[in-house]
N, C-alpha and C. Protein backbone atom coordinates (compact mmCIF):
# COMPACT_ATOMS: atom_id res chain seq x y z
N MET A 1 -30.23 28.37 -38.90
CA MET A 1 -30.65 27.30 -37.95
C MET A 1 -29.35 26.98 -36.95
N GLY A 2 -28.10 27.29 -37.47
CA GLY A 2 -27.08 27.00 -36.80
C GLY A 2 -27.09 27.72 -35.55
N THR A 3 -27.36 29.05 -35.42
CA THR A 3 -27.28 29.85 -34.28
C THR A 3 -28.38 29.15 -33.28
N VAL A 4 -29.59 28.97 -33.77
CA VAL A 4 -30.53 28.36 -32.90
C VAL A 4 -30.20 27.09 -32.17
N ALA A 5 -29.61 26.16 -33.07
CA ALA A 5 -29.16 24.89 -32.65
C ALA A 5 -27.98 24.97 -31.58
N THR A 6 -27.20 25.93 -31.90
CA THR A 6 -25.95 26.15 -31.02
C THR A 6 -26.40 26.64 -29.75
N ALA A 7 -27.35 27.64 -29.78
CA ALA A 7 -27.93 28.23 -28.53
C ALA A 7 -28.48 27.13 -27.65
N SER A 8 -29.22 26.14 -28.20
CA SER A 8 -29.68 25.09 -27.37
C SER A 8 -28.76 24.28 -26.66
N LEU A 9 -27.42 24.21 -27.14
CA LEU A 9 -26.40 23.53 -26.53
C LEU A 9 -26.20 24.22 -25.03
N VAL A 10 -26.12 25.56 -25.14
CA VAL A 10 -25.94 26.19 -23.86
C VAL A 10 -27.21 26.18 -22.84
N SER A 11 -28.22 26.45 -23.31
CA SER A 11 -29.50 26.68 -22.47
C SER A 11 -30.68 26.07 -23.22
N SER A 12 -31.27 25.21 -22.47
CA SER A 12 -32.47 24.65 -23.09
C SER A 12 -33.46 24.29 -22.02
N THR A 13 -34.63 24.50 -22.35
CA THR A 13 -35.80 24.05 -21.29
C THR A 13 -36.01 22.63 -21.25
N LEU A 14 -35.85 21.93 -22.45
CA LEU A 14 -36.08 20.59 -22.43
C LEU A 14 -34.67 19.86 -22.80
N VAL A 15 -34.02 19.21 -21.73
CA VAL A 15 -32.82 18.71 -21.87
C VAL A 15 -32.74 17.15 -21.37
N LEU A 16 -31.77 16.42 -21.93
CA LEU A 16 -31.76 15.02 -21.40
C LEU A 16 -31.27 14.82 -20.07
N SER A 17 -30.23 15.76 -19.61
CA SER A 17 -29.67 15.45 -18.32
C SER A 17 -29.20 16.76 -17.78
N SER A 18 -29.17 16.78 -16.40
CA SER A 18 -28.59 18.04 -15.84
C SER A 18 -27.34 17.83 -15.07
N LYS A 19 -26.70 16.64 -15.26
CA LYS A 19 -25.51 16.48 -14.45
C LYS A 19 -24.38 15.61 -15.26
N ALA A 20 -23.17 15.74 -14.90
CA ALA A 20 -22.31 15.11 -15.51
C ALA A 20 -22.15 13.66 -14.96
N ASP A 21 -21.43 12.83 -15.74
CA ASP A 21 -21.22 11.38 -15.22
C ASP A 21 -19.82 11.05 -15.25
N ALA A 22 -19.46 9.84 -14.94
CA ALA A 22 -18.10 9.32 -14.87
C ALA A 22 -17.23 9.38 -16.04
N GLN A 23 -17.87 9.41 -17.26
CA GLN A 23 -17.24 9.63 -18.61
C GLN A 23 -16.75 10.79 -18.96
N ALA A 24 -16.85 11.78 -18.06
CA ALA A 24 -16.47 13.24 -18.33
C ALA A 24 -15.09 13.38 -18.71
N ALA A 25 -14.14 12.65 -18.17
CA ALA A 25 -12.69 12.77 -18.51
C ALA A 25 -12.36 12.18 -19.98
N GLN A 26 -13.31 11.43 -20.57
CA GLN A 26 -13.06 10.87 -21.89
C GLN A 26 -13.20 11.97 -22.95
N ALA A 27 -12.16 12.22 -23.76
CA ALA A 27 -12.33 13.24 -24.79
C ALA A 27 -13.32 12.86 -25.94
N VAL A 28 -13.89 13.87 -26.38
CA VAL A 28 -15.02 13.66 -27.52
C VAL A 28 -14.15 13.47 -28.86
N ASN A 29 -14.31 12.44 -29.51
CA ASN A 29 -13.72 12.30 -30.73
C ASN A 29 -14.37 12.77 -31.91
N PRO A 30 -13.99 13.01 -33.05
CA PRO A 30 -14.66 13.59 -34.27
C PRO A 30 -15.96 12.71 -34.57
N GLY A 31 -16.02 11.51 -34.49
CA GLY A 31 -16.99 10.74 -35.01
C GLY A 31 -18.37 11.01 -33.79
N GLU A 32 -17.94 11.07 -32.62
CA GLU A 32 -18.93 11.30 -31.65
C GLU A 32 -19.55 12.86 -31.78
N LEU A 33 -18.57 13.67 -32.16
CA LEU A 33 -19.09 15.09 -32.43
C LEU A 33 -20.04 15.11 -33.62
N ARG A 34 -19.63 14.34 -34.61
CA ARG A 34 -20.75 14.41 -35.81
C ARG A 34 -21.99 13.77 -35.25
N ASN A 35 -22.02 12.52 -34.66
CA ASN A 35 -23.19 11.91 -34.20
C ASN A 35 -24.02 12.78 -33.26
N TYR A 36 -23.35 13.42 -32.35
CA TYR A 36 -23.97 14.32 -31.49
C TYR A 36 -24.68 15.49 -32.25
N ALA A 37 -24.09 16.13 -33.10
CA ALA A 37 -24.66 17.09 -33.89
C ALA A 37 -25.76 16.67 -34.79
N ARG A 38 -25.65 15.47 -35.28
CA ARG A 38 -26.78 14.93 -36.05
C ARG A 38 -28.04 14.69 -35.21
N ALA A 39 -27.86 14.17 -33.97
CA ALA A 39 -29.01 13.97 -33.15
C ALA A 39 -29.66 15.42 -32.74
N MET A 40 -28.68 16.45 -32.48
CA MET A 40 -29.22 17.81 -32.02
C MET A 40 -30.05 18.44 -33.31
N LEU A 41 -29.54 18.32 -34.47
CA LEU A 41 -30.06 18.87 -35.62
C LEU A 41 -31.35 18.15 -35.93
N LYS A 42 -31.47 16.91 -35.72
CA LYS A 42 -32.73 16.15 -35.85
C LYS A 42 -33.75 16.73 -35.02
N MET A 43 -33.35 16.85 -33.63
CA MET A 43 -34.38 17.14 -32.58
C MET A 43 -34.52 18.69 -32.37
N GLU A 44 -33.83 19.46 -32.77
CA GLU A 44 -33.93 20.95 -32.43
C GLU A 44 -35.40 21.42 -32.96
N PRO A 45 -35.87 21.17 -34.09
CA PRO A 45 -37.17 21.68 -34.55
C PRO A 45 -38.30 20.89 -33.60
N GLU A 46 -37.95 19.61 -33.17
CA GLU A 46 -39.02 19.04 -32.40
C GLU A 46 -38.93 19.62 -30.92
N ARG A 47 -37.83 20.12 -30.53
CA ARG A 47 -37.63 20.65 -29.25
C ARG A 47 -38.31 21.99 -29.09
N GLN A 48 -38.14 22.75 -30.04
CA GLN A 48 -38.88 24.05 -30.30
C GLN A 48 -40.42 23.79 -30.29
N GLN A 49 -40.95 22.92 -31.00
CA GLN A 49 -42.36 22.51 -31.08
C GLN A 49 -42.80 22.21 -29.75
N ALA A 50 -42.06 21.24 -29.14
CA ALA A 50 -42.60 20.82 -27.76
C ALA A 50 -42.70 22.01 -26.84
N PHE A 51 -41.64 22.88 -26.95
CA PHE A 51 -41.57 23.84 -26.04
C PHE A 51 -42.82 24.96 -26.30
N ASP A 52 -43.09 25.15 -27.54
CA ASP A 52 -44.15 26.07 -27.90
C ASP A 52 -45.49 25.47 -27.53
N ASP A 53 -45.67 24.10 -27.70
CA ASP A 53 -46.93 23.37 -27.34
C ASP A 53 -47.01 23.49 -25.70
N ILE A 54 -45.98 23.31 -25.00
CA ILE A 54 -46.17 23.37 -23.68
C ILE A 54 -46.44 24.70 -22.99
N LYS A 55 -45.74 25.59 -23.71
CA LYS A 55 -45.98 27.08 -23.40
C LYS A 55 -47.32 27.58 -23.69
N LYS A 56 -47.97 27.15 -24.81
CA LYS A 56 -49.44 27.41 -24.95
C LYS A 56 -50.23 26.81 -23.90
N ILE A 57 -49.91 25.63 -23.44
CA ILE A 57 -50.87 24.95 -22.45
C ILE A 57 -50.73 25.70 -21.05
N MET A 58 -49.49 26.18 -20.70
CA MET A 58 -49.09 26.78 -19.43
C MET A 58 -49.66 28.25 -19.42
N GLY A 59 -49.93 28.80 -20.54
CA GLY A 59 -50.56 30.27 -20.71
C GLY A 59 -49.48 31.16 -20.29
N THR A 60 -49.78 31.94 -19.28
CA THR A 60 -48.87 33.14 -18.87
C THR A 60 -47.74 32.67 -18.06
N GLY A 61 -48.03 31.33 -17.56
CA GLY A 61 -46.92 30.81 -16.49
C GLY A 61 -45.59 30.58 -17.22
N GLU A 62 -44.60 30.44 -16.57
CA GLU A 62 -43.15 30.13 -17.13
C GLU A 62 -43.17 28.69 -17.29
N VAL A 63 -42.47 28.31 -18.37
CA VAL A 63 -42.37 26.86 -18.57
C VAL A 63 -41.09 26.44 -17.69
N PRO A 64 -41.28 25.45 -16.90
CA PRO A 64 -40.06 25.29 -16.00
C PRO A 64 -39.06 24.26 -16.72
N LYS A 65 -37.82 24.13 -16.30
CA LYS A 65 -36.88 23.37 -16.88
C LYS A 65 -37.20 21.93 -16.73
N ILE A 66 -37.24 21.30 -18.03
CA ILE A 66 -37.70 19.79 -17.96
C ILE A 66 -36.45 19.09 -18.23
N VAL A 67 -35.91 18.05 -17.40
CA VAL A 67 -34.74 17.26 -17.59
C VAL A 67 -35.42 15.98 -17.84
N CYS A 68 -35.15 15.44 -18.94
CA CYS A 68 -35.77 14.13 -19.36
C CYS A 68 -35.44 12.95 -18.45
N ASN A 69 -34.36 12.83 -17.78
CA ASN A 69 -34.07 11.78 -16.87
C ASN A 69 -34.40 12.10 -15.50
N ASP A 70 -35.22 13.13 -15.25
CA ASP A 70 -35.59 13.57 -13.84
C ASP A 70 -37.17 13.61 -14.07
N ASN A 71 -37.83 12.73 -13.39
CA ASN A 71 -39.21 12.60 -13.29
C ASN A 71 -39.85 13.76 -12.53
N ASN A 72 -39.11 14.22 -11.53
CA ASN A 72 -39.47 15.38 -10.81
C ASN A 72 -39.71 16.67 -11.58
N SER A 73 -38.97 16.75 -12.59
CA SER A 73 -39.03 17.91 -13.47
C SER A 73 -40.49 17.85 -14.27
N PHE A 74 -41.00 16.90 -14.38
CA PHE A 74 -42.29 16.81 -14.95
C PHE A 74 -43.61 17.11 -14.12
N SER A 75 -43.32 17.11 -12.74
CA SER A 75 -44.37 17.13 -11.79
C SER A 75 -45.18 18.36 -11.81
N SER A 76 -44.58 19.49 -12.28
CA SER A 76 -45.29 20.74 -12.25
C SER A 76 -46.00 20.95 -13.55
N LEU A 77 -45.84 20.06 -14.50
CA LEU A 77 -46.60 20.30 -15.71
C LEU A 77 -48.03 19.77 -15.65
N PRO A 78 -48.99 20.48 -16.24
CA PRO A 78 -50.39 19.92 -16.47
C PRO A 78 -50.28 18.66 -17.33
N GLY A 79 -51.36 17.79 -17.22
CA GLY A 79 -51.30 16.51 -17.96
C GLY A 79 -50.96 16.47 -19.36
N LYS A 80 -51.59 17.37 -20.21
CA LYS A 80 -51.04 17.45 -21.70
C LYS A 80 -49.85 17.75 -21.89
N ALA A 81 -49.34 18.82 -21.13
CA ALA A 81 -47.91 19.14 -21.24
C ALA A 81 -47.06 18.26 -20.82
N ARG A 82 -47.36 17.35 -19.75
CA ARG A 82 -46.49 16.41 -19.35
C ARG A 82 -46.46 15.33 -20.39
N GLU A 83 -47.54 15.07 -21.07
CA GLU A 83 -47.41 14.08 -22.25
C GLU A 83 -46.58 14.44 -23.24
N ILE A 84 -46.60 15.68 -23.64
CA ILE A 84 -45.81 16.32 -24.75
C ILE A 84 -44.31 16.15 -24.32
N ALA A 85 -44.02 16.56 -23.12
CA ALA A 85 -42.72 16.49 -22.72
C ALA A 85 -42.12 14.90 -22.68
N VAL A 86 -42.87 14.06 -22.12
CA VAL A 86 -42.52 12.74 -22.09
C VAL A 86 -42.38 12.23 -23.44
N ASN A 87 -43.20 12.51 -24.48
CA ASN A 87 -43.04 12.04 -25.97
C ASN A 87 -41.77 12.68 -26.53
N TYR A 88 -41.55 13.87 -26.23
CA TYR A 88 -40.28 14.50 -26.82
C TYR A 88 -39.16 13.89 -26.28
N CYS A 89 -39.02 13.57 -25.02
CA CYS A 89 -37.84 12.91 -24.41
C CYS A 89 -37.60 11.56 -24.99
N GLN A 90 -38.75 10.79 -25.26
CA GLN A 90 -38.54 9.49 -25.77
C GLN A 90 -38.11 9.63 -27.20
N ARG A 91 -38.53 10.51 -27.91
CA ARG A 91 -38.04 10.70 -29.42
C ARG A 91 -36.51 11.06 -29.40
N TYR A 92 -36.25 12.00 -28.36
CA TYR A 92 -34.86 12.39 -28.35
C TYR A 92 -33.97 11.24 -28.01
N GLN A 93 -34.42 10.44 -27.02
CA GLN A 93 -33.55 9.36 -26.77
C GLN A 93 -33.22 8.35 -28.09
N LYS A 94 -34.48 8.16 -28.70
CA LYS A 94 -34.34 7.32 -29.85
C LYS A 94 -33.37 8.12 -30.85
N ALA A 95 -33.45 9.35 -31.17
CA ALA A 95 -32.59 10.12 -32.01
C ALA A 95 -31.11 9.93 -31.72
N VAL A 96 -30.87 10.08 -30.36
CA VAL A 96 -29.48 9.99 -29.93
C VAL A 96 -28.92 8.41 -30.02
N GLU A 97 -29.68 7.45 -29.84
CA GLU A 97 -29.26 6.15 -30.07
C GLU A 97 -29.24 5.76 -31.47
N ASP A 98 -30.12 6.31 -32.31
CA ASP A 98 -29.97 6.00 -33.71
C ASP A 98 -28.72 6.61 -34.31
N ASN A 99 -28.23 7.71 -33.70
CA ASN A 99 -27.13 8.27 -34.19
C ASN A 99 -25.81 7.71 -33.34
N GLY A 100 -25.94 6.42 -32.83
CA GLY A 100 -24.67 5.79 -32.30
C GLY A 100 -24.22 6.22 -30.92
N LEU A 101 -24.95 7.08 -30.21
CA LEU A 101 -24.56 7.31 -28.76
C LEU A 101 -25.40 6.71 -27.72
N SER A 102 -24.79 6.53 -26.66
CA SER A 102 -25.68 6.15 -25.47
C SER A 102 -26.20 7.43 -24.83
N ILE A 103 -27.17 7.52 -24.08
CA ILE A 103 -27.69 8.68 -23.40
C ILE A 103 -26.67 9.31 -22.45
N ASP A 104 -26.03 8.31 -21.89
CA ASP A 104 -25.01 8.76 -20.80
C ASP A 104 -23.78 9.56 -21.60
N ARG A 105 -23.47 8.87 -22.74
CA ARG A 105 -22.35 9.39 -23.48
C ARG A 105 -22.81 10.89 -24.04
N TYR A 106 -24.05 10.89 -24.50
CA TYR A 106 -24.72 12.31 -25.09
C TYR A 106 -24.63 13.24 -23.96
N ASN A 107 -24.93 12.80 -22.70
CA ASN A 107 -25.08 13.90 -21.66
C ASN A 107 -23.70 14.24 -21.26
N THR A 108 -22.74 13.46 -21.20
CA THR A 108 -21.31 13.78 -20.95
C THR A 108 -20.84 14.65 -22.14
N ILE A 109 -21.23 14.57 -23.38
CA ILE A 109 -20.67 15.44 -24.28
C ILE A 109 -21.24 16.75 -24.00
N THR A 110 -22.68 16.78 -23.72
CA THR A 110 -23.30 18.16 -23.51
C THR A 110 -22.53 18.90 -22.39
N THR A 111 -22.26 18.22 -21.34
CA THR A 111 -21.59 18.80 -20.25
C THR A 111 -20.14 19.33 -20.70
N GLN A 112 -19.45 18.52 -21.45
CA GLN A 112 -18.18 18.92 -21.96
C GLN A 112 -18.29 20.26 -22.82
N VAL A 113 -19.21 20.10 -23.68
CA VAL A 113 -19.43 21.30 -24.62
C VAL A 113 -19.77 22.49 -23.86
N GLN A 114 -20.55 22.39 -22.80
CA GLN A 114 -20.88 23.63 -22.11
C GLN A 114 -19.82 24.14 -21.31
N GLY A 115 -18.79 23.38 -20.81
CA GLY A 115 -17.62 23.80 -20.08
C GLY A 115 -16.39 24.02 -20.87
N ASN A 116 -16.41 23.94 -22.15
CA ASN A 116 -15.15 23.83 -22.97
C ASN A 116 -15.28 24.76 -24.27
N ASP A 117 -14.73 25.91 -24.20
CA ASP A 117 -14.80 26.81 -25.41
C ASP A 117 -14.41 26.29 -26.68
N ASP A 118 -13.35 25.45 -26.52
CA ASP A 118 -12.75 24.92 -27.85
C ASP A 118 -13.61 23.91 -28.29
N LEU A 119 -14.15 23.04 -27.50
CA LEU A 119 -15.26 22.15 -27.99
C LEU A 119 -16.41 22.72 -28.49
N LYS A 120 -17.03 23.76 -27.62
CA LYS A 120 -18.17 24.52 -28.22
C LYS A 120 -17.95 24.90 -29.60
N ARG A 121 -16.63 25.47 -29.89
CA ARG A 121 -16.41 26.00 -31.14
C ARG A 121 -16.35 24.91 -32.17
N LYS A 122 -15.84 23.66 -31.89
CA LYS A 122 -15.90 22.64 -32.96
C LYS A 122 -17.26 22.21 -33.17
N MET A 123 -18.07 22.21 -32.04
CA MET A 123 -19.55 21.73 -32.21
C MET A 123 -20.19 22.68 -33.27
N TYR A 124 -20.17 23.93 -32.87
CA TYR A 124 -20.71 24.95 -33.65
C TYR A 124 -20.26 24.78 -35.22
N ASN A 125 -19.03 24.50 -35.36
CA ASN A 125 -18.44 24.36 -36.84
C ASN A 125 -19.18 23.09 -37.38
N GLU A 126 -19.28 22.04 -36.61
CA GLU A 126 -19.85 20.88 -36.98
C GLU A 126 -21.27 20.96 -37.43
N LEU A 127 -22.10 21.72 -36.51
CA LEU A 127 -23.49 22.01 -36.83
C LEU A 127 -23.62 22.77 -38.17
N LEU A 128 -22.70 23.73 -38.26
CA LEU A 128 -22.77 24.50 -39.60
C LEU A 128 -22.43 23.64 -40.77
N ARG A 129 -21.51 22.80 -40.55
CA ARG A 129 -21.02 21.96 -41.65
C ARG A 129 -22.26 20.94 -42.07
N GLN A 130 -22.98 20.48 -41.08
CA GLN A 130 -24.07 19.53 -41.40
C GLN A 130 -25.15 20.13 -42.08
N GLN A 131 -25.37 21.45 -41.60
CA GLN A 131 -26.45 22.18 -42.10
C GLN A 131 -26.26 22.59 -43.61
N LYS A 132 -24.97 22.75 -44.01
CA LYS A 132 -24.70 23.07 -45.40
C LYS A 132 -24.66 21.93 -46.32
N MET A 133 -24.64 20.75 -45.81
CA MET A 133 -24.57 19.53 -46.68
C MET A 133 -25.98 19.32 -47.23
N PRO A 134 -26.07 18.79 -48.38
CA PRO A 134 -27.30 18.55 -49.00
C PRO A 134 -27.91 17.42 -48.32
N LYS A 135 -29.18 17.37 -48.25
CA LYS A 135 -29.94 16.41 -47.75
C LYS A 135 -30.02 15.08 -48.58
N SER A 136 -29.86 13.97 -47.87
CA SER A 136 -29.72 12.78 -48.53
C SER A 136 -31.33 12.15 -48.62
N PRO A 137 -31.53 11.60 -49.80
CA PRO A 137 -32.97 11.11 -49.97
C PRO A 137 -33.40 9.97 -48.93
């Protein structure tokens, strides 16, 4: 699962944001990294399921990149696929906030991870660490 989750850090069809914001200069602290990884691990299976469901609806057509905070990215989806994407984005936002991050900060961390190999390595290690931890009841 670590490889799958890490791969989605770099490239994902269902994403929260496609641009950086003003917080980009702020370093990611270890607590934020843990919270970011928790949100990712919670949502990765749901992202895959939403993508698969949308792909089935789209048939042979390619699934467009869906950016949760860009309503235009939903416009090319048929009704049921649009509903799946919107529901996924709402659940993802809740997962991010439940893990102590704002959407803006989560998006900033995503941008930083994508552009910083050292931070990407730390994120990968954190994802692996959390996946090895026993699940809490």
